[in-house]
Amino acid sequence: RADIRTALAGAGYPEVEIVTALAP
């Protein structure tokens, strides 16, 4: 999750929501 946020912020996308899907 932290690496996703860092990568997107570095590419100019600071607004990020990360959803965890357990199914399937």
PDBML (XML) file of the C-alpha atoms, coordinates in Angstrom:
<?xml version="1.0" encoding="UTF-8" ?>
<PDBx:datablock datablockName="MODEL"
   xmlns:PDBx="http://pdbml.pdb.org/schema/pdbx-v50.xsd"
   xmlns:xsi="http://www.w3.org/2001/XMLSchema-instance"
   xsi:schemaLocation="http://pdbml.pdb.org/schema/pdbx-v50.xsd pdbx-v50.xsd">
   <PDBx:atom_siteCategory>
      <PDBx:atom_site id="1">
         <PDBx:B_iso_or_equiv>0.00</PDBx:B_iso_or_equiv>
         <PDBx:Cartn_x>0.000</PDBx:Cartn_x>
         <PDBx:Cartn_y>0.000</PDBx:Cartn_y>
         <PDBx:Cartn_z>0.000</PDBx:Cartn_z>
         <PDBx:auth_asym_id>A</PDBx:auth_asym_id>
         <PDBx:auth_atom_id>CA</PDBx:auth_atom_id>
         <PDBx:auth_comp_id>ARG</PDBx:auth_comp_id>
         <PDBx:auth_seq_id>1</PDBx:auth_seq_id>
         <PDBx:group_PDB>ATOM</PDBx:group_PDB>
         <PDBx:label_alt_id xsi:nil="true" />
         <PDBx:label_asym_id>A</PDBx:label_asym_id>
         <PDBx:label_atom_id>CA</PDBx:label_atom_id>
         <PDBx:label_comp_id>ARG</PDBx:label_comp_id>
         <PDBx:label_entity_id>1</PDBx:label_entity_id>
         <PDBx:label_seq_id>1</PDBx:label_seq_id>
         <PDBx:occupancy>1.00</PDBx:occupancy>
         <PDBx:pdbx_PDB_model_num>1</PDBx:pdbx_PDB_model_num>
         <PDBx:type_symbol>C</PDBx:type_symbol>
      </PDBx:atom_site>
      <PDBx:atom_site id="2">
         <PDBx:B_iso_or_equiv>0.00</PDBx:B_iso_or_equiv>
         <PDBx:Cartn_x>2.783</PDBx:Cartn_x>
         <PDBx:Cartn_y>2.445</PDBx:Cartn_y>
         <PDBx:Cartn_z>0.918</PDBx:Cartn_z>
         <PDBx:auth_asym_id>A</PDBx:auth_asym_id>
         <PDBx:auth_atom_id>CA</PDBx:auth_atom_id>
         <PDBx:auth_comp_id>ALA</PDBx:auth_comp_id>
         <PDBx:auth_seq_id>2</PDBx:auth_seq_id>
         <PDBx:group_PDB>ATOM</PDBx:group_PDB>
         <PDBx:label_alt_id xsi:nil="true" />
         <PDBx:label_asym_id>A</PDBx:label_asym_id>
         <PDBx:label_atom_id>CA</PDBx:label_atom_id>
         <PDBx:label_comp_id>ALA</PDBx:label_comp_id>
         <PDBx:label_entity_id>1</PDBx:label_entity_id>
         <PDBx:label_seq_id>2</PDBx:label_seq_id>
         <PDBx:occupancy>1.00</PDBx:occupancy>
         <PDBx:pdbx_PDB_model_num>1</PDBx:pdbx_PDB_model_num>
         <PDBx:type_symbol>C</PDBx:type_symbol>
      </PDBx:atom_site>
      <PDBx:atom_site id="3">
         <PDBx:B_iso_or_equiv>0.00</PDBx:B_iso_or_equiv>
         <PDBx:Cartn_x>4.717</PDBx:Cartn_x>
         <PDBx:Cartn_y>1.660</PDBx:Cartn_y>
         <PDBx:Cartn_z>-2.272</PDBx:Cartn_z>
         <PDBx:auth_asym_id>A</PDBx:auth_asym_id>
         <PDBx:auth_atom_id>CA</PDBx:auth_atom_id>
         <PDBx:auth_comp_id>ASP</PDBx:auth_comp_id>
         <PDBx:auth_seq_id>3</PDBx:auth_seq_id>
         <PDBx:group_PDB>ATOM</PDBx:group_PDB>
         <PDBx:label_alt_id xsi:nil="true" />
         <PDBx:label_asym_id>A</PDBx:label_asym_id>
         <PDBx:label_atom_id>CA</PDBx:label_atom_id>
         <PDBx:label_comp_id>ASP</PDBx:label_comp_id>
         <PDBx:label_entity_id>1</PDBx:label_entity_id>
         <PDBx:label_seq_id>3</PDBx:label_seq_id>
         <PDBx:occupancy>1.00</PDBx:occupancy>
         <PDBx:pdbx_PDB_model_num>1</PDBx:pdbx_PDB_model_num>
         <PDBx:type_symbol>C</PDBx:type_symbol>
      </PDBx:atom_site>
      <PDBx:atom_site id="4">
         <PDBx:B_iso_or_equiv>0.00</PDBx:B_iso_or_equiv>
         <PDBx:Cartn_x>1.577</PDBx:Cartn_x>
         <PDBx:Cartn_y>2.210</PDBx:Cartn_y>
         <PDBx:Cartn_z>-4.386</PDBx:Cartn_z>
         <PDBx:auth_asym_id>A</PDBx:auth_asym_id>
         <PDBx:auth_atom_id>CA</PDBx:auth_atom_id>
         <PDBx:auth_comp_id>ILE</PDBx:auth_comp_id>
         <PDBx:auth_seq_id>4</PDBx:auth_seq_id>
         <PDBx:group_PDB>ATOM</PDBx:group_PDB>
         <PDBx:label_alt_id xsi:nil="true" />
         <PDBx:label_asym_id>A</PDBx:label_asym_id>
         <PDBx:label_atom_id>CA</PDBx:label_atom_id>
         <PDBx:label_comp_id>ILE</PDBx:label_comp_id>
         <PDBx:label_entity_id>1</PDBx:label_entity_id>
         <PDBx:label_seq_id>4</PDBx:label_seq_id>
         <PDBx:occupancy>1.00</PDBx:occupancy>
         <PDBx:pdbx_PDB_model_num>1</PDBx:pdbx_PDB_model_num>
         <PDBx:type_symbol>C</PDBx:type_symbol>
      </PDBx:atom_site>
      <PDBx:atom_site id="5">
         <PDBx:B_iso_or_equiv>0.00</PDBx:B_iso_or_equiv>
         <PDBx:Cartn_x>0.979</PDBx:Cartn_x>
         <PDBx:Cartn_y>5.599</PDBx:Cartn_y>
         <PDBx:Cartn_z>-2.749</PDBx:Cartn_z>
         <PDBx:auth_asym_id>A</PDBx:auth_asym_id>
         <PDBx:auth_atom_id>CA</PDBx:auth_atom_id>
         <PDBx:auth_comp_id>ARG</PDBx:auth_comp_id>
         <PDBx:auth_seq_id>5</PDBx:auth_seq_id>
         <PDBx:group_PDB>ATOM</PDBx:group_PDB>
         <PDBx:label_alt_id xsi:nil="true" />
         <PDBx:label_asym_id>A</PDBx:label_asym_id>
         <PDBx:label_atom_id>CA</PDBx:label_atom_id>
         <PDBx:label_comp_id>ARG</PDBx:label_comp_id>
         <PDBx:label_entity_id>1</PDBx:label_entity_id>
         <PDBx:label_seq_id>5</PDBx:label_seq_id>
         <PDBx:occupancy>1.00</PDBx:occupancy>
         <PDBx:pdbx_PDB_model_num>1</PDBx:pdbx_PDB_model_num>
         <PDBx:type_symbol>C</PDBx:type_symbol>
      </PDBx:atom_site>
      <PDBx:atom_site id="6">
         <PDBx:B_iso_or_equiv>0.00</PDBx:B_iso_or_equiv>
         <PDBx:Cartn_x>4.638</PDBx:Cartn_x>
         <PDBx:Cartn_y>6.608</PDBx:Cartn_y>
         <PDBx:Cartn_z>-3.221</PDBx:Cartn_z>
         <PDBx:auth_asym_id>A</PDBx:auth_asym_id>
         <PDBx:auth_atom_id>CA</PDBx:auth_atom_id>
         <PDBx:auth_comp_id>THR</PDBx:auth_comp_id>
         <PDBx:auth_seq_id>6</PDBx:auth_seq_id>
         <PDBx:group_PDB>ATOM</PDBx:group_PDB>
         <PDBx:label_alt_id xsi:nil="true" />
         <PDBx:label_asym_id>A</PDBx:label_asym_id>
         <PDBx:label_atom_id>CA</PDBx:label_atom_id>
         <PDBx:label_comp_id>THR</PDBx:label_comp_id>
         <PDBx:label_entity_id>1</PDBx:label_entity_id>
         <PDBx:label_seq_id>6</PDBx:label_seq_id>
         <PDBx:occupancy>1.00</PDBx:occupancy>
         <PDBx:pdbx_PDB_model_num>1</PDBx:pdbx_PDB_model_num>
         <PDBx:type_symbol>C</PDBx:type_symbol>
      </PDBx:atom_site>
      <PDBx:atom_site id="7">
         <PDBx:B_iso_or_equiv>0.00</PDBx:B_iso_or_equiv>
         <PDBx:Cartn_x>4.715</PDBx:Cartn_x>
         <PDBx:Cartn_y>5.512</PDBx:Cartn_y>
         <PDBx:Cartn_z>-6.868</PDBx:Cartn_z>
         <PDBx:auth_asym_id>A</PDBx:auth_asym_id>
         <PDBx:auth_atom_id>CA</PDBx:auth_atom_id>
         <PDBx:auth_comp_id>ALA</PDBx:auth_comp_id>
         <PDBx:auth_seq_id>7</PDBx:auth_seq_id>
         <PDBx:group_PDB>ATOM</PDBx:group_PDB>
         <PDBx:label_alt_id xsi:nil="true" />
         <PDBx:label_asym_id>A</PDBx:label_asym_id>
         <PDBx:label_atom_id>CA</PDBx:label_atom_id>
         <PDBx:label_comp_id>ALA</PDBx:label_comp_id>
         <PDBx:label_entity_id>1</PDBx:label_entity_id>
         <PDBx:label_seq_id>7</PDBx:label_seq_id>
         <PDBx:occupancy>1.00</PDBx:occupancy>
         <PDBx:pdbx_PDB_model_num>1</PDBx:pdbx_PDB_model_num>
         <PDBx:type_symbol>C</PDBx:type_symbol>
      </PDBx:atom_site>
      <PDBx:atom_site id="8">
         <PDBx:B_iso_or_equiv>0.00</PDBx:B_iso_or_equiv>
         <PDBx:Cartn_x>1.485</PDBx:Cartn_x>
         <PDBx:Cartn_y>7.322</PDBx:Cartn_y>
         <PDBx:Cartn_z>-7.750</PDBx:Cartn_z>
         <PDBx:auth_asym_id>A</PDBx:auth_asym_id>
         <PDBx:auth_atom_id>CA</PDBx:auth_atom_id>
         <PDBx:auth_comp_id>LEU</PDBx:auth_comp_id>
         <PDBx:auth_seq_id>8</PDBx:auth_seq_id>
         <PDBx:group_PDB>ATOM</PDBx:group_PDB>
         <PDBx:label_alt_id xsi:nil="true" />
         <PDBx:label_asym_id>A</PDBx:label_asym_id>
         <PDBx:label_atom_id>CA</PDBx:label_atom_id>
         <PDBx:label_comp_id>LEU</PDBx:label_comp_id>
         <PDBx:label_entity_id>1</PDBx:label_entity_id>
         <PDBx:label_seq_id>8</PDBx:label_seq_id>
         <PDBx:occupancy>1.00</PDBx:occupancy>
         <PDBx:pdbx_PDB_model_num>1</PDBx:pdbx_PDB_model_num>
         <PDBx:type_symbol>C</PDBx:type_symbol>
      </PDBx:atom_site>
      <PDBx:atom_site id="9">
         <PDBx:B_iso_or_equiv>0.00</PDBx:B_iso_or_equiv>
         <PDBx:Cartn_x>2.500</PDBx:Cartn_x>
         <PDBx:Cartn_y>10.495</PDBx:Cartn_y>
         <PDBx:Cartn_z>-5.885</PDBx:Cartn_z>
         <PDBx:auth_asym_id>A</PDBx:auth_asym_id>
         <PDBx:auth_atom_id>CA</PDBx:auth_atom_id>
         <PDBx:auth_comp_id>ALA</PDBx:auth_comp_id>
         <PDBx:auth_seq_id>9</PDBx:auth_seq_id>
         <PDBx:group_PDB>ATOM</PDBx:group_PDB>
         <PDBx:label_alt_id xsi:nil="true" />
         <PDBx:label_asym_id>A</PDBx:label_asym_id>
         <PDBx:label_atom_id>CA</PDBx:label_atom_id>
         <PDBx:label_comp_id>ALA</PDBx:label_comp_id>
         <PDBx:label_entity_id>1</PDBx:label_entity_id>
         <PDBx:label_seq_id>9</PDBx:label_seq_id>
         <PDBx:occupancy>1.00</PDBx:occupancy>
         <PDBx:pdbx_PDB_model_num>1</PDBx:pdbx_PDB_model_num>
         <PDBx:type_symbol>C</PDBx:type_symbol>
      </PDBx:atom_site>
      <PDBx:atom_site id="10">
         <PDBx:B_iso_or_equiv>0.00</PDBx:B_iso_or_equiv>
         <PDBx:Cartn_x>5.817</PDBx:Cartn_x>
         <PDBx:Cartn_y>10.470</PDBx:Cartn_y>
         <PDBx:Cartn_z>-7.775</PDBx:Cartn_z>
         <PDBx:auth_asym_id>A</PDBx:auth_asym_id>
         <PDBx:auth_atom_id>CA</PDBx:auth_atom_id>
         <PDBx:auth_comp_id>GLY</PDBx:auth_comp_id>
         <PDBx:auth_seq_id>10</PDBx:auth_seq_id>
         <PDBx:group_PDB>ATOM</PDBx:group_PDB>
         <PDBx:label_alt_id xsi:nil="true" />
         <PDBx:label_asym_id>A</PDBx:label_asym_id>
         <PDBx:label_atom_id>CA</PDBx:label_atom_id>
         <PDBx:label_comp_id>GLY</PDBx:label_comp_id>
         <PDBx:label_entity_id>1</PDBx:label_entity_id>
         <PDBx:label_seq_id>10</PDBx:label_seq_id>
         <PDBx:occupancy>1.00</PDBx:occupancy>
         <PDBx:pdbx_PDB_model_num>1</PDBx:pdbx_PDB_model_num>
         <PDBx:type_symbol>C</PDBx:type_symbol>
      </PDBx:atom_site>
      <PDBx:atom_site id="11">
         <PDBx:B_iso_or_equiv>0.00</PDBx:B_iso_or_equiv>
         <PDBx:Cartn_x>3.886</PDBx:Cartn_x>
         <PDBx:Cartn_y>10.249</PDBx:Cartn_y>
         <PDBx:Cartn_z>-11.051</PDBx:Cartn_z>
         <PDBx:auth_asym_id>A</PDBx:auth_asym_id>
         <PDBx:auth_atom_id>CA</PDBx:auth_atom_id>
         <PDBx:auth_comp_id>ALA</PDBx:auth_comp_id>
         <PDBx:auth_seq_id>11</PDBx:auth_seq_id>
         <PDBx:group_PDB>ATOM</PDBx:group_PDB>
         <PDBx:label_alt_id xsi:nil="true" />
         <PDBx:label_asym_id>A</PDBx:label_asym_id>
         <PDBx:label_atom_id>CA</PDBx:label_atom_id>
         <PDBx:label_comp_id>ALA</PDBx:label_comp_id>
         <PDBx:label_entity_id>1</PDBx:label_entity_id>
         <PDBx:label_seq_id>11</PDBx:label_seq_id>
         <PDBx:occupancy>1.00</PDBx:occupancy>
         <PDBx:pdbx_PDB_model_num>1</PDBx:pdbx_PDB_model_num>
         <PDBx:type_symbol>C</PDBx:type_symbol>
      </PDBx:atom_site>
      <PDBx:atom_site id="12">
         <PDBx:B_iso_or_equiv>0.00</PDBx:B_iso_or_equiv>
         <PDBx:Cartn_x>1.702</PDBx:Cartn_x>
         <PDBx:Cartn_y>13.237</PDBx:Cartn_y>
         <PDBx:Cartn_z>-10.108</PDBx:Cartn_z>
         <PDBx:auth_asym_id>A</PDBx:auth_asym_id>
         <PDBx:auth_atom_id>CA</PDBx:auth_atom_id>
         <PDBx:auth_comp_id>GLY</PDBx:auth_comp_id>
         <PDBx:auth_seq_id>12</PDBx:auth_seq_id>
         <PDBx:group_PDB>ATOM</PDBx:group_PDB>
         <PDBx:label_alt_id xsi:nil="true" />
         <PDBx:label_asym_id>A</PDBx:label_asym_id>
         <PDBx:label_atom_id>CA</PDBx:label_atom_id>
         <PDBx:label_comp_id>GLY</PDBx:label_comp_id>
         <PDBx:label_entity_id>1</PDBx:label_entity_id>
         <PDBx:label_seq_id>12</PDBx:label_seq_id>
         <PDBx:occupancy>1.00</PDBx:occupancy>
         <PDBx:pdbx_PDB_model_num>1</PDBx:pdbx_PDB_model_num>
         <PDBx:type_symbol>C</PDBx:type_symbol>
      </PDBx:atom_site>
      <PDBx:atom_site id="13">
         <PDBx:B_iso_or_equiv>0.00</PDBx:B_iso_or_equiv>
         <PDBx:Cartn_x>-1.282</PDBx:Cartn_x>
         <PDBx:Cartn_y>11.419</PDBx:Cartn_y>
         <PDBx:Cartn_z>-8.603</PDBx:Cartn_z>
         <PDBx:auth_asym_id>A</PDBx:auth_asym_id>
         <PDBx:auth_atom_id>CA</PDBx:auth_atom_id>
         <PDBx:auth_comp_id>TYR</PDBx:auth_comp_id>
         <PDBx:auth_seq_id>13</PDBx:auth_seq_id>
         <PDBx:group_PDB>ATOM</PDBx:group_PDB>
         <PDBx:label_alt_id xsi:nil="true" />
         <PDBx:label_asym_id>A</PDBx:label_asym_id>
         <PDBx:label_atom_id>CA</PDBx:label_atom_id>
         <PDBx:label_comp_id>TYR</PDBx:label_comp_id>
         <PDBx:label_entity_id>1</PDBx:label_entity_id>
         <PDBx:label_seq_id>13</PDBx:label_seq_id>
         <PDBx:occupancy>1.00</PDBx:occupancy>
         <PDBx:pdbx_PDB_model_num>1</PDBx:pdbx_PDB_model_num>
         <PDBx:type_symbol>C</PDBx:type_symbol>
      </PDBx:atom_site>
      <PDBx:atom_site id="14">
         <PDBx:B_iso_or_equiv>0.00</PDBx:B_iso_or_equiv>
         <PDBx:Cartn_x>-1.369</PDBx:Cartn_x>
         <PDBx:Cartn_y>12.386</PDBx:Cartn_y>
         <PDBx:Cartn_z>-4.905</PDBx:Cartn_z>
         <PDBx:auth_asym_id>A</PDBx:auth_asym_id>
         <PDBx:auth_atom_id>CA</PDBx:auth_atom_id>
         <PDBx:auth_comp_id>PRO</PDBx:auth_comp_id>
         <PDBx:auth_seq_id>14</PDBx:auth_seq_id>
         <PDBx:group_PDB>ATOM</PDBx:group_PDB>
         <PDBx:label_alt_id xsi:nil="true" />
         <PDBx:label_asym_id>A</PDBx:label_asym_id>
         <PDBx:label_atom_id>CA</PDBx:label_atom_id>
         <PDBx:label_comp_id>PRO</PDBx:label_comp_id>
         <PDBx:label_entity_id>1</PDBx:label_entity_id>
         <PDBx:label_seq_id>14</PDBx:label_seq_id>
         <PDBx:occupancy>1.00</PDBx:occupancy>
         <PDBx:pdbx_PDB_model_num>1</PDBx:pdbx_PDB_model_num>
         <PDBx:type_symbol>C</PDBx:type_symbol>
      </PDBx:atom_site>
      <PDBx:atom_site id="15">
         <PDBx:B_iso_or_equiv>0.00</PDBx:B_iso_or_equiv>
         <PDBx:Cartn_x>-5.053</PDBx:Cartn_x>
         <PDBx:Cartn_y>11.538</PDBx:Cartn_y>
         <PDBx:Cartn_z>-4.322</PDBx:Cartn_z>
         <PDBx:auth_asym_id>A</PDBx:auth_asym_id>
         <PDBx:auth_atom_id>CA</PDBx:auth_atom_id>
         <PDBx:auth_comp_id>GLU</PDBx:auth_comp_id>
         <PDBx:auth_seq_id>15</PDBx:auth_seq_id>
         <PDBx:group_PDB>ATOM</PDBx:group_PDB>
         <PDBx:label_alt_id xsi:nil="true" />
         <PDBx:label_asym_id>A</PDBx:label_asym_id>
         <PDBx:label_atom_id>CA</PDBx:label_atom_id>
         <PDBx:label_comp_id>GLU</PDBx:label_comp_id>
         <PDBx:label_entity_id>1</PDBx:label_entity_id>
         <PDBx:label_seq_id>15</PDBx:label_seq_id>
         <PDBx:occupancy>1.00</PDBx:occupancy>
         <PDBx:pdbx_PDB_model_num>1</PDBx:pdbx_PDB_model_num>
         <PDBx:type_symbol>C</PDBx:type_symbol>
      </PDBx:atom_site>
      <PDBx:atom_site id="16">
         <PDBx:B_iso_or_equiv>0.00</PDBx:B_iso_or_equiv>
         <PDBx:Cartn_x>-5.162</PDBx:Cartn_x>
         <PDBx:Cartn_y>7.754</PDBx:Cartn_y>
         <PDBx:Cartn_z>-3.837</PDBx:Cartn_z>
         <PDBx:auth_asym_id>A</PDBx:auth_asym_id>
         <PDBx:auth_atom_id>CA</PDBx:auth_atom_id>
         <PDBx:auth_comp_id>VAL</PDBx:auth_comp_id>
         <PDBx:auth_seq_id>16</PDBx:auth_seq_id>
         <PDBx:group_PDB>ATOM</PDBx:group_PDB>
         <PDBx:label_alt_id xsi:nil="true" />
         <PDBx:label_asym_id>A</PDBx:label_asym_id>
         <PDBx:label_atom_id>CA</PDBx:label_atom_id>
         <PDBx:label_comp_id>VAL</PDBx:label_comp_id>
         <PDBx:label_entity_id>1</PDBx:label_entity_id>
         <PDBx:label_seq_id>16</PDBx:label_seq_id>
         <PDBx:occupancy>1.00</PDBx:occupancy>
         <PDBx:pdbx_PDB_model_num>1</PDBx:pdbx_PDB_model_num>
         <PDBx:type_symbol>C</PDBx:type_symbol>
      </PDBx:atom_site>
      <PDBx:atom_site id="17">
         <PDBx:B_iso_or_equiv>0.00</PDBx:B_iso_or_equiv>
         <PDBx:Cartn_x>-7.620</PDBx:Cartn_x>
         <PDBx:Cartn_y>5.335</PDBx:Cartn_y>
         <PDBx:Cartn_z>-2.288</PDBx:Cartn_z>
         <PDBx:auth_asym_id>A</PDBx:auth_asym_id>
         <PDBx:auth_atom_id>CA</PDBx:auth_atom_id>
         <PDBx:auth_comp_id>GLU</PDBx:auth_comp_id>
         <PDBx:auth_seq_id>17</PDBx:auth_seq_id>
         <PDBx:group_PDB>ATOM</PDBx:group_PDB>
         <PDBx:label_alt_id xsi:nil="true" />
         <PDBx:label_asym_id>A</PDBx:label_asym_id>
         <PDBx:label_atom_id>CA</PDBx:label_atom_id>
         <PDBx:label_comp_id>GLU</PDBx:label_comp_id>
         <PDBx:label_entity_id>1</PDBx:label_entity_id>
         <PDBx:label_seq_id>17</PDBx:label_seq_id>
         <PDBx:occupancy>1.00</PDBx:occupancy>
         <PDBx:pdbx_PDB_model_num>1</PDBx:pdbx_PDB_model_num>
         <PDBx:type_symbol>C</PDBx:type_symbol>
      </PDBx:atom_site>
      <PDBx:atom_site id="18">
         <PDBx:B_iso_or_equiv>0.00</PDBx:B_iso_or_equiv>
         <PDBx:Cartn_x>-6.563</PDBx:Cartn_x>
         <PDBx:Cartn_y>1.708</PDBx:Cartn_y>
         <PDBx:Cartn_z>-1.879</PDBx:Cartn_z>
         <PDBx:auth_asym_id>A</PDBx:auth_asym_id>
         <PDBx:auth_atom_id>CA</PDBx:auth_atom_id>
         <PDBx:auth_comp_id>ILE</PDBx:auth_comp_id>
         <PDBx:auth_seq_id>18</PDBx:auth_seq_id>
         <PDBx:group_PDB>ATOM</PDBx:group_PDB>
         <PDBx:label_alt_id xsi:nil="true" />
         <PDBx:label_asym_id>A</PDBx:label_asym_id>
         <PDBx:label_atom_id>CA</PDBx:label_atom_id>
         <PDBx:label_comp_id>ILE</PDBx:label_comp_id>
         <PDBx:label_entity_id>1</PDBx:label_entity_id>
         <PDBx:label_seq_id>18</PDBx:label_seq_id>
         <PDBx:occupancy>1.00</PDBx:occupancy>
         <PDBx:pdbx_PDB_model_num>1</PDBx:pdbx_PDB_model_num>
         <PDBx:type_symbol>C</PDBx:type_symbol>
      </PDBx:atom_site>
      <PDBx:atom_site id="19">
         <PDBx:B_iso_or_equiv>0.00</PDBx:B_iso_or_equiv>
         <PDBx:Cartn_x>-9.295</PDBx:Cartn_x>
         <PDBx:Cartn_y>-0.904</PDBx:Cartn_y>
         <PDBx:Cartn_z>-1.590</PDBx:Cartn_z>
         <PDBx:auth_asym_id>A</PDBx:auth_asym_id>
         <PDBx:auth_atom_id>CA</PDBx:auth_atom_id>
         <PDBx:auth_comp_id>VAL</PDBx:auth_comp_id>
         <PDBx:auth_seq_id>19</PDBx:auth_seq_id>
         <PDBx:group_PDB>ATOM</PDBx:group_PDB>
         <PDBx:label_alt_id xsi:nil="true" />
         <PDBx:label_asym_id>A</PDBx:label_asym_id>
         <PDBx:label_atom_id>CA</PDBx:label_atom_id>
         <PDBx:label_comp_id>VAL</PDBx:label_comp_id>
         <PDBx:label_entity_id>1</PDBx:label_entity_id>
         <PDBx:label_seq_id>19</PDBx:label_seq_id>
         <PDBx:occupancy>1.00</PDBx:occupancy>
         <PDBx:pdbx_PDB_model_num>1</PDBx:pdbx_PDB_model_num>
         <PDBx:type_symbol>C</PDBx:type_symbol>
      </PDBx:atom_site>
      <PDBx:atom_site id="20">
         <PDBx:B_iso_or_equiv>0.00</PDBx:B_iso_or_equiv>
         <PDBx:Cartn_x>-8.583</PDBx:Cartn_x>
         <PDBx:Cartn_y>-4.433</PDBx:Cartn_y>
         <PDBx:Cartn_z>-0.377</PDBx:Cartn_z>
         <PDBx:auth_asym_id>A</PDBx:auth_asym_id>
         <PDBx:auth_atom_id>CA</PDBx:auth_atom_id>
         <PDBx:auth_comp_id>THR</PDBx:auth_comp_id>
         <PDBx:auth_seq_id>20</PDBx:auth_seq_id>
         <PDBx:group_PDB>ATOM</PDBx:group_PDB>
         <PDBx:label_alt_id xsi:nil="true" />
         <PDBx:label_asym_id>A</PDBx:label_asym_id>
         <PDBx:label_atom_id>CA</PDBx:label_atom_id>
         <PDBx:label_comp_id>THR</PDBx:label_comp_id>
         <PDBx:label_entity_id>1</PDBx:label_entity_id>
         <PDBx:label_seq_id>20</PDBx:label_seq_id>
         <PDBx:occupancy>1.00</PDBx:occupancy>
         <PDBx:pdbx_PDB_model_num>1</PDBx:pdbx_PDB_model_num>
         <PDBx:type_symbol>C</PDBx:type_symbol>
      </PDBx:atom_site>
      <PDBx:atom_site id="21">
         <PDBx:B_iso_or_equiv>0.00</PDBx:B_iso_or_equiv>
         <PDBx:Cartn_x>-10.776</PDBx:Cartn_x>
         <PDBx:Cartn_y>-7.061</PDBx:Cartn_y>
         <PDBx:Cartn_z>-2.043</PDBx:Cartn_z>
         <PDBx:auth_asym_id>A</PDBx:auth_asym_id>
         <PDBx:auth_atom_id>CA</PDBx:auth_atom_id>
         <PDBx:auth_comp_id>ALA</PDBx:auth_comp_id>
         <PDBx:auth_seq_id>21</PDBx:auth_seq_id>
         <PDBx:group_PDB>ATOM</PDBx:group_PDB>
         <PDBx:label_alt_id xsi:nil="true" />
         <PDBx:label_asym_id>A</PDBx:label_asym_id>
         <PDBx:label_atom_id>CA</PDBx:label_atom_id>
         <PDBx:label_comp_id>ALA</PDBx:label_comp_id>
         <PDBx:label_entity_id>1</PDBx:label_entity_id>
         <PDBx:label_seq_id>21</PDBx:label_seq_id>
         <PDBx:occupancy>1.00</PDBx:occupancy>
         <PDBx:pdbx_PDB_model_num>1</PDBx:pdbx_PDB_model_num>
         <PDBx:type_symbol>C</PDBx:type_symbol>
      </PDBx:atom_site>
      <PDBx:atom_site id="22">
         <PDBx:B_iso_or_equiv>0.00</PDBx:B_iso_or_equiv>
         <PDBx:Cartn_x>-10.875</PDBx:Cartn_x>
         <PDBx:Cartn_y>-10.412</PDBx:Cartn_y>
         <PDBx:Cartn_z>-0.243</PDBx:Cartn_z>
         <PDBx:auth_asym_id>A</PDBx:auth_asym_id>
         <PDBx:auth_atom_id>CA</PDBx:auth_atom_id>
         <PDBx:auth_comp_id>LEU</PDBx:auth_comp_id>
         <PDBx:auth_seq_id>22</PDBx:auth_seq_id>
         <PDBx:group_PDB>ATOM</PDBx:group_PDB>
         <PDBx:label_alt_id xsi:nil="true" />
         <PDBx:label_asym_id>A</PDBx:label_asym_id>
         <PDBx:label_atom_id>CA</PDBx:label_atom_id>
         <PDBx:label_comp_id>LEU</PDBx:label_comp_id>
         <PDBx:label_entity_id>1</PDBx:label_entity_id>
         <PDBx:label_seq_id>22</PDBx:label_seq_id>
         <PDBx:occupancy>1.00</PDBx:occupancy>
         <PDBx:pdbx_PDB_model_num>1</PDBx:pdbx_PDB_model_num>
         <PDBx:type_symbol>C</PDBx:type_symbol>
      </PDBx:atom_site>
      <PDBx:atom_site id="23">
         <PDBx:B_iso_or_equiv>0.00</PDBx:B_iso_or_equiv>
         <PDBx:Cartn_x>-13.292</PDBx:Cartn_x>
         <PDBx:Cartn_y>-12.098</PDBx:Cartn_y>
         <PDBx:Cartn_z>-2.656</PDBx:Cartn_z>
         <PDBx:auth_asym_id>A</PDBx:auth_asym_id>
         <PDBx:auth_atom_id>CA</PDBx:auth_atom_id>
         <PDBx:auth_comp_id>ALA</PDBx:auth_comp_id>
         <PDBx:auth_seq_id>23</PDBx:auth_seq_id>
         <PDBx:group_PDB>ATOM</PDBx:group_PDB>
         <PDBx:label_alt_id xsi:nil="true" />
         <PDBx:label_asym_id>A</PDBx:label_asym_id>
         <PDBx:label_atom_id>CA</PDBx:label_atom_id>
         <PDBx:label_comp_id>ALA</PDBx:label_comp_id>
         <PDBx:label_entity_id>1</PDBx:label_entity_id>
         <PDBx:label_seq_id>23</PDBx:label_seq_id>
         <PDBx:occupancy>1.00</PDBx:occupancy>
         <PDBx:pdbx_PDB_model_num>1</PDBx:pdbx_PDB_model_num>
         <PDBx:type_symbol>C</PDBx:type_symbol>
      </PDBx:atom_site>
      <PDBx:atom_site id="24">
         <PDBx:B_iso_or_equiv>0.00</PDBx:B_iso_or_equiv>
         <PDBx:Cartn_x>-12.610</PDBx:Cartn_x>
         <PDBx:Cartn_y>-13.844</PDBx:Cartn_y>
         <PDBx:Cartn_z>-4.795</PDBx:Cartn_z>
         <PDBx:auth_asym_id>A</PDBx:auth_asym_id>
         <PDBx:auth_atom_id>CA</PDBx:auth_atom_id>
         <PDBx:auth_comp_id>PRO</PDBx:auth_comp_id>
         <PDBx:auth_seq_id>24</PDBx:auth_seq_id>
         <PDBx:group_PDB>ATOM</PDBx:group_PDB>
         <PDBx:label_alt_id xsi:nil="true" />
         <PDBx:label_asym_id>A</PDBx:label_asym_id>
         <PDBx:label_atom_id>CA</PDBx:label_atom_id>
         <PDBx:label_comp_id>PRO</PDBx:label_comp_id>
         <PDBx:label_entity_id>1</PDBx:label_entity_id>
         <PDBx:label_seq_id>24</PDBx:label_seq_id>
         <PDBx:occupancy>1.00</PDBx:occupancy>
         <PDBx:pdbx_PDB_model_num>1</PDBx:pdbx_PDB_model_num>
         <PDBx:type_symbol>C</PDBx:type_symbol>
      </PDBx:atom_site>
   </PDBx:atom_siteCategory>
</PDBx:datablock>
